[in-house]
């Protein structure tokens, strides 16, 4: 194991002594090529945690990078010293799709966007969304047929797109769902290429083959978003949807203002459906692999709902459903990693690090740390009883981030996940198709690499049986 190192760095007449954590001795570019060859960055992060512990250091070229795997260090960066950091390079690269939306913007711009959106996610508004969520889930479950095999990952994407469109943007996109998902899937397929390509922000204007496909897919998404904005303006809606609030905050229809509005809409739209869809896909998979948990899951739904459709008031009673969803997001967190970029020198424990250091954290790795979750690969919803939660250190579990940049739609997502699962599971039981390969693919979110082929089975209510 490498030991920590000190580096003296001269800045004009001043010499700064930095102290780096243990980590790779050689530049990661060569180490990765010779030893790890990681096609999956999660393998790299897990290796760093296994070999170097709670904080590890390495370099790519001349860039210093830290990987953190302890709640104290994570809290220090994203909560305590948050003002010393901005989003790191890979997030900045997503500006090629998202523009200056809430995920990528910084400072006053981010605070202003968050303030506008906050009203749409206020706890007094959340109940109004519940009926729309259930209605969309009923439409999907009524289309399913017994013994049918379906890609549940694709179904969950379509479902959550419709939910976000109806609830937050007061728009019906059912006729454009295929167009949207096709374009987003194309961009997801290019994600690693975009992240690794030097100068991608400039090359996008030259449009080499990969980036040309990105531009085409982005134009397709933009067309849908701009049509949605134009239709809303034409209707002159004065409702309380998120899009209404955004339009009210941006009455100017200049090109710059329209571009800013587009960035905000597309950021919340994509973040709102992509993460929940992946959480649901992994939940159906894990239930299919754990029959006793699946039986308890169905039993609670049957007992609490007694055959009627779920409503907002049922969410607190569907405790085990929520625990199942929480455990699913522990093992397969849709937001699988996060990072920050240091604007100034900073201290972490015994280590003193320079400005321009990139700090990375992985929910996927921390959520599977045996110190925080014994027998971590076992699917166990009991980890999320109120008692178990109260005993656990904060930021050992952070599927929605934390601090000032914590996901604004977290309460919306929890309610949506519980209601969609309960509505679909009232009628259906899902089984993984034998031989279907299941592998997580860490892109912008954690997707099932090969989709999720599952067979549908009608089920009888367990409470009656």
Protein backbone atom coordinates (compact mmCIF):
# COMPACT_ATOMS: atom_id res chain seq x y z
CA UNK A 1 0.00 0.00 0.00
CA UNK A 2 1.26 3.45 -0.88
CA UNK A 3 1.86 5.90 1.92
CA UNK A 4 0.74 9.49 2.03
CA UNK A 5 3.03 12.01 0.37
CA UNK A 6 4.04 15.63 0.83
CA UNK A 7 4.57 17.96 -2.11
CA UNK A 8 6.08 21.42 -1.97
CA UNK A 9 4.49 23.70 -4.57
CA UNK A 10 5.88 27.20 -5.24
CA UNK A 11 3.35 29.89 -6.07
CA UNK A 12 5.30 33.10 -6.80
CA UNK A 13 7.21 33.94 -3.65
CA UNK A 14 5.15 31.56 -1.52
CA UNK A 15 5.77 27.83 -1.07
CA UNK A 16 2.76 25.70 -0.16
CA UNK A 17 3.24 22.26 1.37
CA UNK A 18 0.48 19.84 0.44
CA UNK A 19 -0.11 16.48 2.06
CA UNK A 20 -1.79 13.87 -0.13
CA UNK A 21 -3.55 10.67 0.99
CA UNK A 22 -2.19 7.24 0.03
CA UNK A 23 -2.95 6.01 -3.46
CA UNK A 24 -1.52 5.01 -6.82
CA UNK A 25 2.21 5.68 -7.14
CA UNK A 26 2.10 5.94 -10.92
CA UNK A 27 -0.13 7.99 -13.17
CA UNK A 28 -3.49 6.29 -13.46
CA UNK A 29 -3.43 6.36 -17.26
CA UNK A 30 -0.61 3.85 -17.35
CA UNK A 31 -1.74 1.89 -14.29
CA UNK A 32 -5.18 1.39 -15.78
CA UNK A 33 -3.79 0.25 -19.10
CA UNK A 34 -1.32 -2.21 -17.54
CA UNK A 35 -3.24 -3.62 -14.57
CA UNK A 36 -6.89 -2.73 -14.15
CA UNK A 37 -8.18 -2.06 -17.68
CA UNK A 38 -11.52 -0.98 -16.18
CA UNK A 39 -14.32 -0.73 -18.72
CA UNK A 40 -16.46 0.07 -15.70
CA UNK A 41 -15.38 2.98 -13.44
CA UNK A 42 -17.10 1.30 -10.49
CA UNK A 43 -14.33 -1.33 -10.60
CA UNK A 44 -11.76 1.43 -10.23
CA UNK A 45 -13.60 3.02 -7.30
CA UNK A 46 -14.01 -0.33 -5.56
CA UNK A 47 -10.30 -1.06 -6.05
CA UNK A 48 -9.38 2.29 -4.49
CA UNK A 49 -11.65 1.66 -1.49
CA UNK A 50 -10.32 -1.88 -1.00
CA UNK A 51 -6.65 -0.94 -1.32
CA UNK A 52 -6.44 2.51 0.27
CA UNK A 53 -9.42 2.86 2.59
CA UNK A 54 -11.54 5.92 3.26
CA UNK A 55 -9.58 8.41 1.18
CA UNK A 56 -7.34 7.71 -1.80
CA UNK A 57 -5.33 9.88 -4.18
CA UNK A 58 -4.28 9.42 -7.77
CA UNK A 59 -3.41 11.50 -10.80
CA UNK A 60 -4.58 11.50 -14.39
CA UNK A 61 -1.98 13.49 -16.28
CA UNK A 62 -1.35 16.52 -14.08
CA UNK A 63 -4.79 16.46 -12.41
CA UNK A 64 -5.08 15.47 -8.73
CA UNK A 65 -8.07 13.27 -7.92
CA UNK A 66 -9.40 12.05 -4.58
CA UNK A 67 -11.82 9.21 -3.97
CA UNK A 68 -13.75 9.30 -0.69
CA UNK A 69 -15.50 6.37 0.94
CA UNK A 70 -16.41 7.52 4.43
CA UNK A 71 -19.39 9.63 5.56
CA UNK A 72 -17.19 12.06 7.51
CA UNK A 73 -15.10 12.94 4.46
CA UNK A 74 -18.15 13.02 2.17
CA UNK A 75 -20.02 15.36 4.55
CA UNK A 76 -17.00 17.64 4.80
CA UNK A 77 -16.95 18.18 1.02
CA UNK A 78 -20.64 18.39 0.10
CA UNK A 79 -21.99 19.99 3.29
CA UNK A 80 -19.41 21.68 5.52
CA UNK A 81 -17.04 23.07 2.85
CA UNK A 82 -19.55 23.14 0.00
CA UNK A 83 -18.72 26.77 -0.88
CA UNK A 84 -15.18 25.75 -1.83
CA UNK A 85 -16.37 23.39 -4.57
CA UNK A 86 -18.30 23.29 -7.82
CA UNK A 87 -19.50 20.33 -9.88
CA UNK A 88 -16.59 18.44 -11.44
CA UNK A 89 -15.61 17.88 -15.07
CA UNK A 90 -17.91 14.99 -16.00
CA UNK A 91 -20.95 16.95 -14.82
CA UNK A 92 -19.72 20.01 -16.71
CA UNK A 93 -19.51 17.82 -19.83
CA UNK A 94 -23.24 17.10 -19.54
CA UNK A 95 -23.80 20.77 -20.38
CA UNK A 96 -23.51 19.56 -23.96
CA UNK A 97 -26.98 18.10 -23.41
CA UNK A 98 -28.42 19.91 -20.40
CA UNK A 99 -27.02 23.40 -20.89
CA UNK A 100 -27.11 25.61 -17.79
CA UNK A 101 -29.83 23.72 -15.94
CA UNK A 102 -30.14 23.09 -12.21
CA UNK A 103 -27.70 20.16 -12.26
CA UNK A 104 -24.88 21.98 -14.06
CA UNK A 105 -25.35 25.65 -13.07
CA UNK A 106 -23.49 27.19 -10.14
CA UNK A 107 -23.77 30.06 -7.68
CA UNK A 108 -26.52 32.66 -8.02
CA UNK A 109 -27.87 31.09 -11.20
CA UNK A 110 -28.37 27.75 -9.46
CA UNK A 111 -29.97 29.36 -6.42
CA UNK A 112 -32.39 31.31 -8.62
CA UNK A 113 -33.40 28.20 -10.60
CA UNK A 114 -33.85 26.19 -7.43
CA UNK A 115 -35.99 28.90 -5.85
CA UNK A 116 -38.34 28.92 -8.86
CA UNK A 117 -38.64 25.13 -8.88
CA UNK A 118 -39.00 24.79 -5.10
CA UNK A 119 -42.66 25.81 -5.12
CA UNK A 120 -43.56 22.93 -7.46
CA UNK A 121 -42.03 20.45 -5.01
CA UNK A 122 -43.49 22.00 -1.86
CA UNK A 123 -45.04 19.43 0.45
CA UNK A 124 -48.45 21.06 -0.01
CA UNK A 125 -48.31 20.39 -3.75
CA UNK A 126 -46.98 16.83 -3.67
CA UNK A 127 -50.38 15.21 -2.82
CA UNK A 128 -51.93 16.68 -5.97
CA UNK A 129 -49.51 14.66 -8.10
CA UNK A 130 -50.45 11.29 -6.59
CA UNK A 131 -53.62 10.73 -8.62
CA UNK A 132 -51.83 11.45 -11.91
CA UNK A 133 -49.08 8.98 -11.01
CA UNK A 134 -51.54 6.21 -10.26
CA UNK A 135 -53.53 6.96 -13.41
CA UNK A 136 -50.44 6.52 -15.58
CA UNK A 137 -49.55 3.27 -13.81
CA UNK A 138 -53.07 1.93 -14.38
CA UNK A 139 -52.76 2.65 -18.11
CA UNK A 140 -49.57 0.59 -18.25
CA UNK A 141 -50.82 -2.33 -16.16
CA UNK A 142 -53.97 -2.56 -18.30
CA UNK A 143 -51.81 -2.93 -21.42
CA UNK A 144 -49.82 -5.82 -19.98
CA UNK A 145 -50.86 -9.39 -20.82
CA UNK A 146 -50.36 -12.60 -18.86
CA UNK A 147 -47.24 -14.64 -19.80
CA UNK A 148 -46.01 -11.75 -21.94
CA UNK A 149 -42.26 -11.05 -21.92
CA UNK A 150 -41.34 -7.37 -21.83
CA UNK A 151 -38.32 -5.15 -21.35
CA UNK A 152 -39.39 -3.73 -18.00
CA UNK A 153 -36.60 -1.14 -18.11
CA UNK A 154 -38.15 0.34 -21.28
CA UNK A 155 -41.64 0.17 -19.78
CA UNK A 156 -40.49 2.02 -16.66
CA UNK A 157 -38.87 4.72 -18.81
CA UNK A 158 -42.09 5.27 -20.74
CA UNK A 159 -44.14 5.27 -17.55
CA UNK A 160 -42.00 7.82 -15.71
CA UNK A 161 -41.73 10.10 -18.76
CA UNK A 162 -45.52 10.30 -18.81
CA UNK A 163 -45.66 10.89 -15.06
CA UNK A 164 -43.19 13.79 -15.17
CA UNK A 165 -44.87 15.30 -18.24
CA UNK A 166 -48.32 15.19 -16.64
CA UNK A 167 -47.40 16.26 -13.11
CA UNK A 168 -44.59 18.82 -13.43
CA UNK A 169 -45.20 20.12 -16.94
CA UNK A 170 -48.99 19.68 -17.38
CA UNK A 171 -48.31 18.14 -20.79
CA UNK A 172 -49.36 14.92 -22.53
CA UNK A 173 -46.33 13.43 -24.30
CA UNK A 174 -47.67 9.95 -25.00
CA UNK A 175 -47.37 10.45 -28.77
CA UNK A 176 -43.73 11.54 -28.41
CA UNK A 177 -42.44 9.06 -25.82
CA UNK A 178 -40.75 6.80 -28.36
CA UNK A 179 -39.02 9.78 -29.98
CA UNK A 180 -37.76 11.02 -26.62
CA UNK A 181 -36.52 7.69 -25.31
CA UNK A 182 -34.79 6.88 -28.60
CA UNK A 183 -32.89 10.18 -28.50
CA UNK A 184 -31.97 9.83 -24.82
CA UNK A 185 -30.80 6.23 -25.35
CA UNK A 186 -28.59 7.42 -28.18
CA UNK A 187 -26.99 10.03 -25.96
CA UNK A 188 -26.55 7.53 -23.13
CA UNK A 189 -24.76 5.20 -25.52
CA UNK A 190 -22.31 7.98 -26.32
CA UNK A 191 -21.79 9.04 -22.71
CA UNK A 192 -18.40 7.43 -22.03
CA UNK A 193 -17.10 8.59 -25.41
CA UNK A 194 -18.16 12.16 -24.62
CA UNK A 195 -16.62 12.10 -21.15
CA UNK A 196 -13.24 10.79 -22.32
CA UNK A 197 -12.87 12.74 -25.57
CA UNK A 198 -10.42 15.64 -25.14
CA UNK A 199 -11.91 18.96 -26.20
CA UNK A 200 -15.39 17.53 -26.80
CA UNK A 201 -16.99 20.93 -26.15
CA UNK A 202 -15.06 22.38 -29.11
CA UNK A 203 -15.15 19.32 -31.34
CA UNK A 204 -18.95 19.22 -31.16
CA UNK A 205 -18.94 22.12 -33.62
CA UNK A 206 -16.78 20.09 -36.04
CA UNK A 207 -19.04 17.08 -35.55
CA UNK A 208 -16.88 13.97 -35.89
CA UNK A 209 -19.01 10.78 -36.19
CA UNK A 210 -19.78 10.23 -32.49
CA UNK A 211 -20.52 13.86 -31.71
CA UNK A 212 -22.62 14.25 -34.85
CA UNK A 213 -24.93 11.56 -33.45
CA UNK A 214 -25.06 13.48 -30.17
CA UNK A 215 -26.06 16.68 -31.95
CA UNK A 216 -28.81 14.90 -33.89
CA UNK A 217 -30.21 13.30 -30.72
CA UNK A 218 -30.04 16.61 -28.85
CA UNK A 219 -31.97 18.34 -31.63
CA UNK A 220 -34.71 15.73 -31.39
CA UNK A 221 -35.01 16.30 -27.64
CA UNK A 222 -34.92 20.07 -28.09
CA UNK A 223 -37.73 19.90 -30.64
CA UNK A 224 -40.00 18.11 -28.16
CA UNK A 225 -39.11 20.50 -25.34
CA UNK A 226 -39.62 23.64 -27.42
CA UNK A 227 -42.96 22.30 -28.70
CA UNK A 228 -44.01 21.72 -25.10
CA UNK A 229 -43.02 25.26 -24.09
CA UNK A 230 -44.74 26.82 -27.13
CA UNK A 231 -47.96 24.89 -26.54
CA UNK A 232 -47.99 25.97 -22.90
CA UNK A 233 -47.48 29.60 -23.84
CA UNK A 234 -50.26 29.39 -26.44
CA UNK A 235 -52.71 27.95 -23.92
CA UNK A 236 -51.82 30.73 -21.53
CA UNK A 237 -52.08 28.36 -18.57
CA UNK A 238 -52.01 30.07 -15.19
CA UNK A 239 -51.85 26.84 -13.21
CA UNK A 240 -49.32 25.81 -10.62
CA UNK A 241 -47.24 23.33 -12.61
CA UNK A 242 -43.48 23.67 -12.64
CA UNK A 243 -43.60 24.83 -16.25
CA UNK A 244 -46.12 27.55 -15.29
CA UNK A 245 -43.74 28.74 -12.59
CA UNK A 246 -40.81 28.75 -14.99
CA UNK A 247 -42.76 30.70 -17.61
CA UNK A 248 -43.85 33.24 -15.02
CA UNK A 249 -40.24 33.72 -13.96
CA UNK A 250 -39.14 34.09 -17.59
CA UNK A 251 -41.69 36.29 -19.40
CA UNK A 252 -39.04 37.56 -21.82
CA UNK A 253 -39.12 35.47 -25.03
CA UNK A 254 -35.72 36.52 -26.35
CA UNK A 255 -33.49 33.72 -27.75
CA UNK A 256 -31.31 33.81 -24.63
CA UNK A 257 -34.32 33.58 -22.34
CA UNK A 258 -35.85 30.73 -24.35
CA UNK A 259 -32.52 28.87 -24.26
CA UNK A 260 -32.35 29.29 -20.47
CA UNK A 261 -35.91 28.01 -20.14
CA UNK A 262 -35.08 25.04 -22.36
CA UNK A 263 -32.07 24.21 -20.16
CA UNK A 264 -34.16 24.24 -16.99
CA UNK A 265 -36.99 22.19 -18.46
CA UNK A 266 -34.77 19.51 -20.01
CA UNK A 267 -32.67 19.14 -16.84
CA UNK A 268 -35.62 18.53 -14.53
CA UNK A 269 -37.43 16.46 -17.14
CA UNK A 270 -34.56 14.05 -17.76
CA UNK A 271 -33.50 13.89 -14.11
CA UNK A 272 -37.10 13.36 -13.05
CA UNK A 273 -37.86 10.35 -15.19
CA UNK A 274 -34.49 8.65 -15.74
CA UNK A 275 -33.59 8.12 -12.08
CA UNK A 276 -36.98 6.83 -10.95
CA UNK A 277 -37.27 4.53 -13.97
CA UNK A 278 -33.94 2.91 -13.15
CA UNK A 279 -34.84 2.56 -9.47
CA UNK A 280 -38.06 0.77 -10.44
CA UNK A 281 -36.32 -1.53 -12.93
CA UNK A 282 -33.78 -2.67 -10.34
CA UNK A 283 -36.56 -3.09 -7.76
CA UNK A 284 -38.54 -5.49 -9.99
CA UNK A 285 -35.34 -7.46 -10.60
CA UNK A 286 -34.45 -7.73 -6.92
CA UNK A 287 -37.97 -8.75 -5.94
CA UNK A 288 -37.89 -11.51 -8.56
CA UNK A 289 -34.68 -12.84 -7.00
CA UNK A 290 -35.93 -12.72 -3.40
CA UNK A 291 -39.28 -14.55 -3.16
CA UNK A 292 -39.85 -14.08 0.57
CA UNK A 293 -39.36 -10.32 0.30
CA UNK A 294 -41.61 -10.35 -2.76
CA UNK A 295 -44.32 -12.20 -0.80
CA UNK A 296 -44.20 -9.65 2.04
CA UNK A 297 -44.27 -6.85 -0.52
CA UNK A 298 -47.44 -8.24 -2.16
CA UNK A 299 -49.04 -9.06 1.17
CA UNK A 300 -48.71 -5.49 2.44
CA UNK A 301 -50.17 -4.08 -0.78
CA UNK A 302 -53.15 -6.44 -0.60
CA UNK A 303 -53.73 -5.86 3.10
CA UNK A 304 -53.48 -2.07 3.06
CA UNK A 305 -55.30 -1.37 -0.20
CA UNK A 306 -57.93 -4.14 -0.12
CA UNK A 307 -58.25 -4.07 -3.89
CA UNK A 308 -58.70 -0.32 -4.38
CA UNK A 309 -56.19 1.91 -6.13
CA UNK A 310 -53.56 3.53 -3.93
CA UNK A 311 -53.80 7.21 -3.03
CA UNK A 312 -51.52 9.76 -1.41
CA UNK A 313 -52.88 8.89 2.04
CA UNK A 314 -51.74 5.28 1.59
CA UNK A 315 -48.06 6.11 1.12
CA UNK A 316 -47.23 6.17 4.87
CA UNK A 317 -49.02 2.83 5.29
CA UNK A 318 -47.06 1.12 2.52
CA UNK A 319 -43.97 0.96 4.71
CA UNK A 320 -42.54 -2.29 3.41
CA UNK A 321 -42.97 -1.11 -0.21
CA UNK A 322 -40.87 1.94 0.65
CA UNK A 323 -38.31 -0.23 2.44
CA UNK A 324 -38.03 -2.44 -0.65
CA UNK A 325 -37.45 0.64 -2.82
CA UNK A 326 -34.88 2.01 -0.38
CA UNK A 327 -32.93 -1.27 -0.32
CA UNK A 328 -33.06 -1.41 -4.10
CA UNK A 329 -31.50 2.06 -4.28
CA UNK A 330 -28.85 0.95 -1.81
CA UNK A 331 -27.70 -1.87 -4.05
CA UNK A 332 -28.34 -0.10 -7.36
CA UNK A 333 -28.44 3.66 -6.75
CA UNK A 334 -29.59 5.45 -9.93
CA UNK A 335 -27.16 8.27 -9.16
CA UNK A 336 -24.17 5.97 -8.69
CA UNK A 337 -21.41 8.57 -8.21
CA UNK A 338 -20.93 12.30 -7.67
CA UNK A 339 -18.02 14.67 -7.75
CA UNK A 340 -16.75 18.14 -6.90
CA UNK A 341 -13.95 20.40 -8.16
CA UNK A 342 -12.01 22.48 -5.64
CA UNK A 343 -11.95 26.23 -6.23
CA UNK A 344 -9.30 26.76 -3.54
CA UNK A 345 -6.92 24.81 -1.32
CA UNK A 346 -8.74 22.75 1.29
CA UNK A 347 -8.19 20.51 4.32
CA UNK A 348 -9.63 17.00 4.69
CA UNK A 349 -8.67 15.37 7.98
CA UNK A 350 -4.88 15.16 8.08
CA UNK A 351 -4.53 16.01 4.41
CA UNK A 352 -4.08 19.39 2.74
CA UNK A 353 -5.02 19.48 -0.93
CA UNK A 354 -4.58 22.03 -3.71
CA UNK A 355 -7.15 23.97 -5.66
CA UNK A 356 -8.28 22.27 -8.89
CA UNK A 357 -8.40 18.87 -7.18
CA UNK A 358 -11.30 16.68 -8.28
CA UNK A 359 -13.09 14.88 -5.45
CA UNK A 360 -15.16 11.79 -6.30
CA UNK A 361 -17.63 9.79 -4.20
CA UNK A 362 -19.66 6.74 -5.20
CA UNK A 363 -23.02 5.85 -3.72
CA UNK A 364 -22.63 2.42 -5.31
CA UNK A 365 -19.41 1.71 -3.38
CA UNK A 366 -20.35 3.33 -0.06
CA UNK A 367 -23.78 1.67 -0.02
CA UNK A 368 -22.05 -1.70 -0.34
CA UNK A 369 -19.48 -1.13 2.41
CA UNK A 370 -19.76 -3.90 5.02
CA UNK A 371 -18.89 -1.46 7.83
CA UNK A 372 -22.15 0.36 7.24
CA UNK A 373 -24.30 -2.47 5.84
CA UNK A 374 -23.32 -5.94 7.13
CA UNK A 375 -23.53 -8.69 4.50
CA UNK A 376 -23.84 -5.87 1.98
CA UNK A 377 -24.72 -7.88 -1.14
CA UNK A 378 -27.78 -9.43 0.52
CA UNK A 379 -31.12 -7.84 -0.35
CA UNK A 380 -32.67 -6.98 3.01
CA UNK A 381 -35.39 -4.30 3.23
CA UNK A 382 -35.25 -4.57 7.04
CA UNK A 383 -32.19 -2.31 6.88
CA UNK A 384 -34.67 0.53 6.42
CA UNK A 385 -36.98 0.14 9.39
CA UNK A 386 -37.25 3.40 11.38
CA UNK A 387 -35.07 1.85 14.11
CA UNK A 388 -32.34 0.78 11.68
CA UNK A 389 -32.34 4.19 10.00
CA UNK A 390 -31.97 5.98 13.34
CA UNK A 391 -28.89 3.92 14.23
CA UNK A 392 -27.12 4.55 10.93
CA UNK A 393 -24.59 7.34 10.45
CA UNK A 394 -25.71 10.00 8.00
CA UNK A 395 -24.21 9.84 4.50
CA UNK A 396 -23.63 6.12 4.59
CA UNK A 397 -26.77 6.15 2.44
CA UNK A 398 -27.27 9.09 0.08
CA UNK A 399 -29.09 8.09 -3.13
CA UNK A 400 -30.32 11.68 -3.62
CA UNK A 401 -27.10 13.42 -2.62
CA UNK A 402 -26.93 15.82 0.32
CA UNK A 403 -26.29 19.41 1.25
CA UNK A 404 -27.17 22.44 -0.86
CA UNK A 405 -27.23 20.35 -4.05
CA UNK A 406 -29.46 17.59 -2.69
CA UNK A 407 -32.07 16.50 -5.24
CA UNK A 408 -34.96 18.96 -5.11
CA UNK A 409 -37.43 16.27 -6.14
CA UNK A 410 -36.58 13.68 -3.48
CA UNK A 411 -40.01 13.63 -1.78
CA UNK A 412 -41.67 13.54 -5.22
CA UNK A 413 -39.52 10.55 -6.23
CA UNK A 414 -40.22 8.56 -3.04
CA UNK A 415 -43.97 9.02 -3.41
CA UNK A 416 -43.84 8.22 -7.12
CA UNK A 417 -41.82 5.04 -6.56
CA UNK A 418 -44.14 3.71 -3.85
CA UNK A 419 -47.35 4.49 -5.77
CA UNK A 420 -46.16 3.08 -9.09
CA UNK A 421 -44.87 -0.12 -7.49
CA UNK A 422 -48.07 -0.62 -5.50
CA UNK A 423 -50.36 0.03 -8.48
CA UNK A 424 -48.54 -2.36 -10.81
CA UNK A 425 -47.96 -5.05 -8.17
CA UNK A 426 -51.65 -5.16 -7.25
CA UNK A 427 -52.23 -7.13 -10.43
CA UNK A 428 -48.86 -8.41 -11.61
CA UNK A 429 -45.90 -10.47 -10.49
CA UNK A 430 -42.72 -10.15 -12.55
CA UNK A 431 -40.17 -12.91 -13.16
CA UNK A 432 -36.77 -12.50 -14.78
CA UNK A 433 -36.63 -14.32 -18.13
CA UNK A 434 -34.27 -17.32 -17.69
CA UNK A 435 -30.85 -16.66 -19.16
CA UNK A 436 -31.31 -12.89 -19.36
CA UNK A 437 -28.03 -11.18 -18.53
CA UNK A 438 -28.24 -8.57 -15.78
CA UNK A 439 -25.36 -6.11 -15.45
CA UNK A 440 -25.31 -2.51 -14.20
CA UNK A 441 -23.99 0.06 -16.67
CA UNK A 442 -22.71 3.26 -15.01
CA UNK A 443 -23.58 6.04 -17.44
CA UNK A 444 -25.13 9.32 -16.32
CA UNK A 445 -27.37 7.03 -14.29
CA UNK A 446 -27.05 3.34 -13.39
CA UNK A 447 -28.96 1.52 -16.12
CA UNK A 448 -29.38 -2.23 -16.69
CA UNK A 449 -26.92 -2.70 -19.55
CA UNK A 450 -29.04 -5.25 -21.43
CA UNK A 451 -32.45 -3.98 -20.40
CA UNK A 452 -34.56 -6.07 -18.03
CA UNK A 453 -36.48 -8.86 -19.78
CA UNK A 454 -39.21 -10.11 -17.48
CA UNK A 455 -42.29 -12.30 -17.79
CA UNK A 456 -45.63 -11.07 -16.49
CA UNK A 457 -47.83 -13.23 -14.29
CA UNK A 458 -51.30 -12.34 -13.07
CA UNK A 459 -51.56 -12.93 -9.35
CA UNK A 460 -54.31 -13.50 -6.82
CA UNK A 461 -54.46 -11.27 -3.74
CA UNK A 462 -52.49 -12.94 -0.93
CA UNK A 463 -54.75 -11.57 1.81
CA UNK A 464 -57.71 -13.44 0.33
CA UNK A 465 -55.70 -16.62 -0.14
